[in-house]
């Protein structure tokens, strides 16, 4: 696998950063993950806009303009031996003596690499997954895609320990998101999901799902979802750029709806696949 580090393409195994990089010492940086199908990045401009939002949120100047980012990502994709990829992009505040205050005159560290993208299979989506719930322990700026993900790591491990795919988080009695996904619920044919806020990271797939719902006449509402509404849902989905639309068929050991993927999940997944292939052919 070929990586990119501060202007140089090189084998991933040769990439090195200083132990004084603020990303290593403080988690002082942001990231994006871009799915790539047949060597074509999916919704790259939307990912770059979210990257800019995250950089603004931590008061770090963007080291590149959009066209330069497109060029770097395109070259990285072309250098891999595999066509379907997951491109990880990270920007940290750079290398400086350890001090909490922002350093002056320090260049940010820019790192990208690609690994094979292995999306969920049709069989996995047909089977669905289980999830657990937990109180959301994170900070007040979850809309920043920060590399300091310890709380998410701990929440994801709770799911692994329970033999499940995801931990669905709740804050003050309201649904926020999963440890590494956005969450949708369906009740009586109405698709619902929390509104964008500092308590959640709005995913690119989240946006696509809402766009597809609007385009195909699927009733949808964005706003508060209570814990009681989550537990009473006919369907629960987790969504992300790599998971796409994944039905949750069991929550905290209790079946969701009929305990099988629901009809709206199947419809939305079909619409998503059609949209994805149309975008890749454009």
C-alpha atoms as a PDB file:
ATOM      1  CA  UNK A   1       0.000   0.000   0.000  1.00  0.00           C
ATOM      2  CA  UNK A   2       1.190   3.486  -0.899  1.00  0.00           C
ATOM      3  CA  UNK A   3       0.755   6.412   1.483  1.00  0.00           C
ATOM      4  CA  UNK A   4       1.204  10.184   1.261  1.00  0.00           C
ATOM      5  CA  UNK A   5       3.053  12.095   3.973  1.00  0.00           C
ATOM      6  CA  UNK A   6       3.820  15.804   3.752  1.00  0.00           C
ATOM      7  CA  UNK A   7       4.241  15.967  -0.003  1.00  0.00           C
ATOM      8  CA  UNK A   8       5.808  12.547  -0.589  1.00  0.00           C
ATOM      9  CA  UNK A   9       4.243   9.309  -1.844  1.00  0.00           C
ATOM     10  CA  UNK A  10       5.921   6.309  -0.230  1.00  0.00           C
ATOM     11  CA  UNK A  11       5.196   2.753   0.944  1.00  0.00           C
ATOM     12  CA  UNK A  12       2.949   2.820   3.998  1.00  0.00           C
ATOM     13  CA  UNK A  13       5.514   0.772   5.935  1.00  0.00           C
ATOM     14  CA  UNK A  14       8.068   3.572   5.416  1.00  0.00           C
ATOM     15  CA  UNK A  15       5.858   6.430   6.650  1.00  0.00           C
ATOM     16  CA  UNK A  16       7.167   8.025   9.871  1.00  0.00           C
ATOM     17  CA  UNK A  17       6.117  10.980  12.015  1.00  0.00           C
ATOM     18  CA  UNK A  18       7.835  12.577  14.990  1.00  0.00           C
ATOM     19  CA  UNK A  19       6.839  11.504  18.509  1.00  0.00           C
ATOM     20  CA  UNK A  20       6.372  15.241  19.140  1.00  0.00           C
ATOM     21  CA  UNK A  21       3.681  15.522  16.468  1.00  0.00           C
ATOM     22  CA  UNK A  22       0.666  17.058  18.215  1.00  0.00           C
ATOM     23  CA  UNK A  23      -1.541  14.394  16.723  1.00  0.00           C
ATOM     24  CA  UNK A  24       0.458  11.787  18.634  1.00  0.00           C
ATOM     25  CA  UNK A  25       0.858  13.784  21.849  1.00  0.00           C
ATOM     26  CA  UNK A  26      -2.555  15.488  22.102  1.00  0.00           C
ATOM     27  CA  UNK A  27      -4.808  13.982  19.445  1.00  0.00           C
ATOM     28  CA  UNK A  28      -4.703  17.514  17.989  1.00  0.00           C
ATOM     29  CA  UNK A  29      -5.961  16.886  14.482  1.00  0.00           C
ATOM     30  CA  UNK A  30      -8.886  15.902  12.277  1.00  0.00           C
ATOM     31  CA  UNK A  31      -9.564  13.245   9.671  1.00  0.00           C
ATOM     32  CA  UNK A  32     -11.844  11.989   6.916  1.00  0.00           C
ATOM     33  CA  UNK A  33     -12.505   8.552   5.403  1.00  0.00           C
ATOM     34  CA  UNK A  34     -13.497   8.539   1.721  1.00  0.00           C
ATOM     35  CA  UNK A  35     -14.903   5.409   0.040  1.00  0.00           C
ATOM     36  CA  UNK A  36     -13.590   4.726  -3.453  1.00  0.00           C
ATOM     37  CA  UNK A  37     -15.390   2.496  -5.965  1.00  0.00           C
ATOM     38  CA  UNK A  38     -13.576   1.375  -9.124  1.00  0.00           C
ATOM     39  CA  UNK A  39     -10.938   4.066  -8.422  1.00  0.00           C
ATOM     40  CA  UNK A  40     -13.544   6.841  -8.223  1.00  0.00           C
ATOM     41  CA  UNK A  41     -13.926   8.636  -4.871  1.00  0.00           C
ATOM     42  CA  UNK A  42     -17.515   8.858  -3.663  1.00  0.00           C
ATOM     43  CA  UNK A  43     -18.709  12.373  -2.819  1.00  0.00           C
ATOM     44  CA  UNK A  44     -15.186  13.705  -2.410  1.00  0.00           C
ATOM     45  CA  UNK A  45     -16.291  17.348  -2.412  1.00  0.00           C
ATOM     46  CA  UNK A  46     -18.693  16.664   0.465  1.00  0.00           C
ATOM     47  CA  UNK A  47     -15.893  14.985   2.428  1.00  0.00           C
ATOM     48  CA  UNK A  48     -13.609  17.949   1.769  1.00  0.00           C
ATOM     49  CA  UNK A  49     -16.294  20.365   2.956  1.00  0.00           C
ATOM     50  CA  UNK A  50     -16.640  18.381   6.179  1.00  0.00           C
ATOM     51  CA  UNK A  51     -12.849  18.400   6.522  1.00  0.00           C
ATOM     52  CA  UNK A  52     -12.932  22.196   6.269  1.00  0.00           C
ATOM     53  CA  UNK A  53     -15.638  22.334   8.955  1.00  0.00           C
ATOM     54  CA  UNK A  54     -13.478  20.195  11.255  1.00  0.00           C
ATOM     55  CA  UNK A  55     -10.366  22.299  10.594  1.00  0.00           C
ATOM     56  CA  UNK A  56     -12.337  25.462  11.315  1.00  0.00           C
ATOM     57  CA  UNK A  57     -13.588  23.852  14.515  1.00  0.00           C
ATOM     58  CA  UNK A  58     -10.034  23.339  15.838  1.00  0.00           C
ATOM     59  CA  UNK A  59      -8.751  26.648  14.402  1.00  0.00           C
ATOM     60  CA  UNK A  60      -6.254  25.035  12.041  1.00  0.00           C
ATOM     61  CA  UNK A  61      -5.700  26.532   8.600  1.00  0.00           C
ATOM     62  CA  UNK A  62      -6.377  24.160   5.734  1.00  0.00           C
ATOM     63  CA  UNK A  63      -2.974  23.265   4.254  1.00  0.00           C
ATOM     64  CA  UNK A  64      -4.433  22.810   0.757  1.00  0.00           C
ATOM     65  CA  UNK A  65      -7.134  24.138  -1.506  1.00  0.00           C
ATOM     66  CA  UNK A  66      -9.814  21.871  -2.926  1.00  0.00           C
ATOM     67  CA  UNK A  67      -8.034  21.288  -6.238  1.00  0.00           C
ATOM     68  CA  UNK A  68      -4.802  20.278  -4.513  1.00  0.00           C
ATOM     69  CA  UNK A  69      -6.696  17.863  -2.261  1.00  0.00           C
ATOM     70  CA  UNK A  70      -8.388  16.369  -5.313  1.00  0.00           C
ATOM     71  CA  UNK A  71      -5.018  15.918  -6.988  1.00  0.00           C
ATOM     72  CA  UNK A  72      -3.443  14.258  -3.943  1.00  0.00           C
ATOM     73  CA  UNK A  73      -6.376  11.922  -3.422  1.00  0.00           C
ATOM     74  CA  UNK A  74      -6.522  11.071  -7.126  1.00  0.00           C
ATOM     75  CA  UNK A  75      -2.813  10.271  -7.278  1.00  0.00           C
ATOM     76  CA  UNK A  76      -3.000   8.171  -4.118  1.00  0.00           C
ATOM     77  CA  UNK A  77      -5.909   6.175  -5.549  1.00  0.00           C
ATOM     78  CA  UNK A  78      -4.057   5.615  -8.834  1.00  0.00           C
ATOM     79  CA  UNK A  79      -0.973   4.264  -7.032  1.00  0.00           C
ATOM     80  CA  UNK A  80      -2.806   1.419  -5.268  1.00  0.00           C
ATOM     81  CA  UNK A  81      -3.009  -2.139  -6.603  1.00  0.00           C
ATOM     82  CA  UNK A  82      -6.723  -2.426  -5.763  1.00  0.00           C
ATOM     83  CA  UNK A  83      -9.691  -0.563  -7.239  1.00  0.00           C
ATOM     84  CA  UNK A  84     -12.163  -0.334  -4.334  1.00  0.00           C
ATOM     85  CA  UNK A  85     -10.537   1.625  -1.546  1.00  0.00           C
ATOM     86  CA  UNK A  86     -11.047   3.360   1.766  1.00  0.00           C
ATOM     87  CA  UNK A  87      -8.911   6.509   1.770  1.00  0.00           C
ATOM     88  CA  UNK A  88      -7.956   7.820   5.221  1.00  0.00           C
ATOM     89  CA  UNK A  89      -6.960  11.504   5.319  1.00  0.00           C
ATOM     90  CA  UNK A  90      -5.532  13.149   8.446  1.00  0.00           C
ATOM     91  CA  UNK A  91      -4.275  16.653   9.251  1.00  0.00           C
ATOM     92  CA  UNK A  92      -2.601  17.437  12.581  1.00  0.00           C
ATOM     93  CA  UNK A  93      -1.252  20.703  13.957  1.00  0.00           C
ATOM     94  CA  UNK A  94       2.286  19.483  13.344  1.00  0.00           C
ATOM     95  CA  UNK A  95       5.505  18.925  15.297  1.00  0.00           C
ATOM     96  CA  UNK A  96       6.307  21.186  18.247  1.00  0.00           C
ATOM     97  CA  UNK A  97       7.564  21.003  21.840  1.00  0.00           C
ATOM     98  CA  UNK A  98       4.829  19.712  24.129  1.00  0.00           C
ATOM     99  CA  UNK A  99       2.691  22.663  25.226  1.00  0.00           C
ATOM    100  CA  UNK A 100      -1.092  22.827  25.263  1.00  0.00           C
ATOM    101  CA  UNK A 101      -1.173  26.240  23.553  1.00  0.00           C
ATOM    102  CA  UNK A 102      -1.067  26.374  19.753  1.00  0.00           C
ATOM    103  CA  UNK A 103       2.517  26.563  18.437  1.00  0.00           C
ATOM    104  CA  UNK A 104       3.483  29.404  16.092  1.00  0.00           C
ATOM    105  CA  UNK A 105       5.020  28.939  12.674  1.00  0.00           C
ATOM    106  CA  UNK A 106       4.548  25.161  12.594  1.00  0.00           C
ATOM    107  CA  UNK A 107       3.527  23.361   9.409  1.00  0.00           C
ATOM    108  CA  UNK A 108       0.640  20.894   9.776  1.00  0.00           C
ATOM    109  CA  UNK A 109       1.286  17.203   9.186  1.00  0.00           C
ATOM    110  CA  UNK A 110      -0.714  15.797   6.264  1.00  0.00           C
ATOM    111  CA  UNK A 111      -1.069  12.029   6.014  1.00  0.00           C
ATOM    112  CA  UNK A 112      -3.165   9.856   3.718  1.00  0.00           C
ATOM    113  CA  UNK A 113      -3.273   6.167   2.972  1.00  0.00           C
ATOM    114  CA  UNK A 114      -5.627   3.739   1.256  1.00  0.00           C
ATOM    115  CA  UNK A 115      -6.678   0.237   2.175  1.00  0.00           C
ATOM    116  CA  UNK A 116      -9.025  -2.174   0.398  1.00  0.00           C
ATOM    117  CA  UNK A 117     -12.696  -1.302   0.845  1.00  0.00           C
ATOM    118  CA  UNK A 118     -14.748  -4.339   1.807  1.00  0.00           C
ATOM    119  CA  UNK A 119     -18.394  -3.252   2.152  1.00  0.00           C
ATOM    120  CA  UNK A 120     -21.051  -5.350   3.812  1.00  0.00           C
ATOM    121  CA  UNK A 121     -22.314  -8.144   1.604  1.00  0.00           C
ATOM    122  CA  UNK A 122     -25.914  -8.602   0.544  1.00  0.00           C
ATOM    123  CA  UNK A 123     -26.032 -11.638   2.835  1.00  0.00           C
ATOM    124  CA  UNK A 124     -24.864  -9.598   5.833  1.00  0.00           C
ATOM    125  CA  UNK A 125     -27.457  -6.908   5.150  1.00  0.00           C
ATOM    126  CA  UNK A 126     -30.152  -9.560   4.765  1.00  0.00           C
ATOM    127  CA  UNK A 127     -29.193 -11.009   8.146  1.00  0.00           C
ATOM    128  CA  UNK A 128     -28.799  -7.690   9.979  1.00  0.00           C
ATOM    129  CA  UNK A 129     -26.730  -7.077  13.107  1.00  0.00           C
ATOM    130  CA  UNK A 130     -27.197  -6.616  16.833  1.00  0.00           C
ATOM    131  CA  UNK A 131     -26.341  -3.493  18.818  1.00  0.00           C
ATOM    132  CA  UNK A 132     -26.282  -2.365  22.428  1.00  0.00           C
ATOM    133  CA  UNK A 133     -27.002   1.024  23.995  1.00  0.00           C
ATOM    134  CA  UNK A 134     -24.925   3.122  26.384  1.00  0.00           C
ATOM    135  CA  UNK A 135     -24.851   6.677  27.751  1.00  0.00           C
ATOM    136  CA  UNK A 136     -22.933   9.013  25.458  1.00  0.00           C
ATOM    137  CA  UNK A 137     -19.742   9.970  27.369  1.00  0.00           C
ATOM    138  CA  UNK A 138     -18.223  12.296  24.782  1.00  0.00           C
ATOM    139  CA  UNK A 139     -17.451  16.013  24.687  1.00  0.00           C
ATOM    140  CA  UNK A 140     -19.611  18.865  23.359  1.00  0.00           C
ATOM    141  CA  UNK A 141     -18.048  19.100  19.877  1.00  0.00           C
ATOM    142  CA  UNK A 142     -18.804  15.728  18.291  1.00  0.00           C
ATOM    143  CA  UNK A 143     -19.508  17.492  14.972  1.00  0.00           C
ATOM    144  CA  UNK A 144     -15.723  17.933  14.638  1.00  0.00           C
ATOM    145  CA  UNK A 145     -14.227  14.784  13.097  1.00  0.00           C
ATOM    146  CA  UNK A 146     -11.324  14.777  15.533  1.00  0.00           C
ATOM    147  CA  UNK A 147      -8.682  12.048  15.686  1.00  0.00           C
ATOM    148  CA  UNK A 148      -9.011  11.893  19.497  1.00  0.00           C
ATOM    149  CA  UNK A 149     -11.503   9.018  19.460  1.00  0.00           C
ATOM    150  CA  UNK A 150     -10.882   7.283  22.784  1.00  0.00           C
ATOM    151  CA  UNK A 151     -14.527   7.517  23.881  1.00  0.00           C
ATOM    152  CA  UNK A 152     -15.658   6.043  20.542  1.00  0.00           C
ATOM    153  CA  UNK A 153     -13.055   3.291  20.865  1.00  0.00           C
ATOM    154  CA  UNK A 154     -14.369   2.367  24.311  1.00  0.00           C
ATOM    155  CA  UNK A 155     -17.963   2.383  23.071  1.00  0.00           C
ATOM    156  CA  UNK A 156     -17.084   0.224  20.066  1.00  0.00           C
ATOM    157  CA  UNK A 157     -15.256  -2.243  22.312  1.00  0.00           C
ATOM    158  CA  UNK A 158     -18.345  -2.527  24.506  1.00  0.00           C
ATOM    159  CA  UNK A 159     -20.214  -3.702  21.422  1.00  0.00           C
ATOM    160  CA  UNK A 160     -17.463  -6.167  20.514  1.00  0.00           C
ATOM    161  CA  UNK A 161     -17.463  -7.541  24.063  1.00  0.00           C
ATOM    162  CA  UNK A 162     -21.228  -8.083  23.749  1.00  0.00           C
ATOM    163  CA  UNK A 163     -20.825  -9.847  20.382  1.00  0.00           C
ATOM    164  CA  UNK A 164     -22.531  -6.963  18.569  1.00  0.00           C
ATOM    165  CA  UNK A 165     -21.716  -4.616  15.712  1.00  0.00           C
ATOM    166  CA  UNK A 166     -22.333  -1.228  17.308  1.00  0.00           C
ATOM    167  CA  UNK A 167     -23.015   0.762  20.461  1.00  0.00           C
ATOM    168  CA  UNK A 168     -25.921   3.188  20.055  1.00  0.00           C
ATOM    169  CA  UNK A 169     -25.374   6.213  22.294  1.00  0.00           C
ATOM    170  CA  UNK A 170     -27.931   8.191  24.296  1.00  0.00           C
ATOM    171  CA  UNK A 171     -27.527  11.617  25.897  1.00  0.00           C
ATOM    172  CA  UNK A 172     -30.115  13.021  28.312  1.00  0.00           C
ATOM    173  CA  UNK A 173     -32.692  10.507  27.111  1.00  0.00           C
ATOM    174  CA  UNK A 174     -32.155  11.286  23.410  1.00  0.00           C
ATOM    175  CA  UNK A 175     -30.531   9.291  20.629  1.00  0.00           C
ATOM    176  CA  UNK A 176     -27.261  10.792  19.355  1.00  0.00           C
ATOM    177  CA  UNK A 177     -25.403   8.290  17.126  1.00  0.00           C
ATOM    178  CA  UNK A 178     -23.395   5.088  17.084  1.00  0.00           C
ATOM    179  CA  UNK A 179     -19.750   4.769  18.046  1.00  0.00           C
ATOM    180  CA  UNK A 180     -18.875   4.789  14.331  1.00  0.00           C
ATOM    181  CA  UNK A 181     -22.175   5.373  12.561  1.00  0.00           C
ATOM    182  CA  UNK A 182     -25.313   7.463  12.331  1.00  0.00           C
ATOM    183  CA  UNK A 183     -28.575   5.901  13.462  1.00  0.00           C
ATOM    184  CA  UNK A 184     -32.003   5.963  11.773  1.00  0.00           C
ATOM    185  CA  UNK A 185     -35.281   4.595  13.122  1.00  0.00           C
ATOM    186  CA  UNK A 186     -38.537   3.774  11.365  1.00  0.00           C
ATOM    187  CA  UNK A 187     -41.965   3.804  13.011  1.00  0.00           C
ATOM    188  CA  UNK A 188     -45.226   3.333  11.093  1.00  0.00           C
ATOM    189  CA  UNK A 189     -43.437   4.069   7.803  1.00  0.00           C
ATOM    190  CA  UNK A 190     -41.856   7.332   9.017  1.00  0.00           C
ATOM    191  CA  UNK A 191     -38.061   7.539   8.778  1.00  0.00           C
ATOM    192  CA  UNK A 192     -36.531   9.500  11.664  1.00  0.00           C
ATOM    193  CA  UNK A 193     -33.039  10.541  12.698  1.00  0.00           C
ATOM    194  CA  UNK A 194     -31.492  13.128  15.037  1.00  0.00           C
ATOM    195  CA  UNK A 195     -30.851  16.576  13.606  1.00  0.00           C
ATOM    196  CA  UNK A 196     -27.255  17.738  13.094  1.00  0.00           C
ATOM    197  CA  UNK A 197     -25.872  19.185  16.319  1.00  0.00           C
ATOM    198  CA  UNK A 198     -22.620  19.460  18.280  1.00  0.00           C
ATOM    199  CA  UNK A 199     -23.543  16.107  19.868  1.00  0.00           C
ATOM    200  CA  UNK A 200     -23.189  14.096  16.656  1.00  0.00           C
ATOM    201  CA  UNK A 201     -21.098  13.872  13.513  1.00  0.00           C
ATOM    202  CA  UNK A 202     -23.292  14.160  10.450  1.00  0.00           C
ATOM    203  CA  UNK A 203     -22.157  11.473   8.018  1.00  0.00           C
ATOM    204  CA  UNK A 204     -22.009  11.680   4.242  1.00  0.00           C
ATOM    205  CA  UNK A 205     -24.241   8.596   4.054  1.00  0.00           C
ATOM    206  CA  UNK A 206     -26.655  10.282   6.496  1.00  0.00           C
ATOM    207  CA  UNK A 207     -27.030  13.101   3.959  1.00  0.00           C
ATOM    208  CA  UNK A 208     -27.498  10.690   1.045  1.00  0.00           C
ATOM    209  CA  UNK A 209     -30.216   8.747   2.884  1.00  0.00           C
ATOM    210  CA  UNK A 210     -32.195  11.931   3.545  1.00  0.00           C
ATOM    211  CA  UNK A 211     -31.723  13.086  -0.059  1.00  0.00           C
ATOM    212  CA  UNK A 212     -32.975   9.736  -1.356  1.00  0.00           C
ATOM    213  CA  UNK A 213     -35.953   9.789   0.991  1.00  0.00           C
ATOM    214  CA  UNK A 214     -36.945  13.240  -0.295  1.00  0.00           C
ATOM    215  CA  UNK A 215     -36.414  12.233  -3.929  1.00  0.00           C
ATOM    216  CA  UNK A 216     -38.500   9.052  -3.667  1.00  0.00           C
ATOM    217  CA  UNK A 217     -41.367  10.241  -1.513  1.00  0.00           C
ATOM    218  CA  UNK A 218     -40.343   8.424   1.657  1.00  0.00           C
ATOM    219  CA  UNK A 219     -41.695  10.317   4.693  1.00  0.00           C
ATOM    220  CA  UNK A 220     -38.803  11.474   6.873  1.00  0.00           C
ATOM    221  CA  UNK A 221     -38.403  13.707   9.896  1.00  0.00           C
ATOM    222  CA  UNK A 222     -35.190  15.116  11.336  1.00  0.00           C
ATOM    223  CA  UNK A 223     -35.307  15.932  15.036  1.00  0.00           C
ATOM    224  CA  UNK A 224     -35.173  14.532  18.534  1.00  0.00           C
ATOM    225  CA  UNK A 225     -35.581  10.768  18.888  1.00  0.00           C
ATOM    226  CA  UNK A 226     -36.181   9.682  22.469  1.00  0.00           C
ATOM    227  CA  UNK A 227     -34.869   6.494  24.006  1.00  0.00           C
ATOM    228  CA  UNK A 228     -38.443   5.195  24.244  1.00  0.00           C
ATOM    229  CA  UNK A 229     -38.981   5.880  20.523  1.00  0.00           C
ATOM    230  CA  UNK A 230     -35.722   4.119  19.677  1.00  0.00           C
ATOM    231  CA  UNK A 231     -36.750   1.033  21.630  1.00  0.00           C
ATOM    232  CA  UNK A 232     -40.262   1.009  20.135  1.00  0.00           C
ATOM    233  CA  UNK A 233     -39.067   1.400  16.523  1.00  0.00           C
ATOM    234  CA  UNK A 234     -40.177  -0.963  13.773  1.00  0.00           C
ATOM    235  CA  UNK A 235     -36.718  -0.658  12.189  1.00  0.00           C
ATOM    236  CA  UNK A 236     -33.311   0.634  13.299  1.00  0.00           C
ATOM    237  CA  UNK A 237     -30.432   1.225  10.877  1.00  0.00           C
ATOM    238  CA  UNK A 238     -26.793   2.142  11.259  1.00  0.00           C
ATOM    239  CA  UNK A 239     -25.260   4.083   8.370  1.00  0.00           C
ATOM    240  CA  UNK A 240     -21.730   5.100   7.391  1.00  0.00           C
ATOM    241  CA  UNK A 241     -19.542   5.421   4.303  1.00  0.00           C
ATOM    242  CA  UNK A 242     -18.209   1.887   4.768  1.00  0.00           C
ATOM    243  CA  UNK A 243     -21.286   0.171   6.287  1.00  0.00           C
ATOM    244  CA  UNK A 244     -23.723   1.946   3.931  1.00  0.00           C
ATOM    245  CA  UNK A 245     -27.204   0.974   5.247  1.00  0.00           C
ATOM    246  CA  UNK A 246     -27.052  -1.841   7.817  1.00  0.00           C
ATOM    247  CA  UNK A 247     -30.225  -2.996   9.603  1.00  0.00           C
ATOM    248  CA  UNK A 248     -30.052  -3.496  13.369  1.00  0.00           C
ATOM    249  CA  UNK A 249     -32.336  -6.418  14.191  1.00  0.00           C
ATOM    250  CA  UNK A 250     -31.638  -6.662  17.925  1.00  0.00           C
ATOM    251  CA  UNK A 251     -31.025  -3.929  20.502  1.00  0.00           C
ATOM    252  CA  UNK A 252     -29.820  -4.830  23.995  1.00  0.00           C
ATOM    253  CA  UNK A 253     -30.929  -8.401  23.358  1.00  0.00           C
ATOM    254  CA  UNK A 254     -34.475  -7.395  22.365  1.00  0.00           C
ATOM    255  CA  UNK A 255     -35.653  -7.897  18.756  1.00  0.00           C
ATOM    256  CA  UNK A 256     -36.226  -4.721  16.751  1.00  0.00           C
ATOM    257  CA  UNK A 257     -39.635  -4.970  15.092  1.00  0.00           C
ATOM    258  CA  UNK A 258     -39.970  -8.503  13.806  1.00  0.00           C
ATOM    259  CA  UNK A 259     -36.311  -9.274  14.456  1.00  0.00           C
ATOM    260  CA  UNK A 260     -35.439  -9.198  10.751  1.00  0.00           C
ATOM    261  CA  UNK A 261     -34.428  -6.357   8.390  1.00  0.00           C
ATOM    262  CA  UNK A 262     -37.493  -4.281   7.599  1.00  0.00           C
ATOM    263  CA  UNK A 263     -38.953  -3.325   4.210  1.00  0.00           C
ATOM    264  CA  UNK A 264     -37.817   0.296   4.334  1.00  0.00           C
ATOM    265  CA  UNK A 265     -34.216  -0.751   5.017  1.00  0.00           C
ATOM    266  CA  UNK A 266     -34.308  -3.012   1.972  1.00  0.00           C
ATOM    267  CA  UNK A 267     -35.851  -0.256  -0.157  1.00  0.00           C
ATOM    268  CA  UNK A 268     -33.322   2.344   0.984  1.00  0.00           C
ATOM    269  CA  UNK A 269     -30.385   0.027   0.400  1.00  0.00           C
ATOM    270  CA  UNK A 270     -31.576  -0.632  -3.162  1.00  0.00           C
ATOM    271  CA  UNK A 271     -31.957   3.116  -3.767  1.00  0.00           C
ATOM    272  CA  UNK A 272     -28.523   3.756  -2.284  1.00  0.00           C
ATOM    273  CA  UNK A 273     -26.881   1.176  -4.536  1.00  0.00           C
ATOM    274  CA  UNK A 274     -28.591   2.656  -7.602  1.00  0.00           C
ATOM    275  CA  UNK A 275     -27.491   6.163  -6.592  1.00  0.00           C
ATOM    276  CA  UNK A 276     -23.929   5.067  -5.875  1.00  0.00           C
ATOM    277  CA  UNK A 277     -23.551   3.344  -9.244  1.00  0.00           C
ATOM    278  CA  UNK A 278     -25.104   6.305 -11.074  1.00  0.00           C
ATOM    279  CA  UNK A 279     -22.663   8.711  -9.409  1.00  0.00           C
ATOM    280  CA  UNK A 280     -19.716   6.479 -10.229  1.00  0.00           C
ATOM    281  CA  UNK A 281     -20.772   6.294 -13.913  1.00  0.00           C
ATOM    282  CA  UNK A 282     -21.275  10.070 -14.223  1.00  0.00           C
END
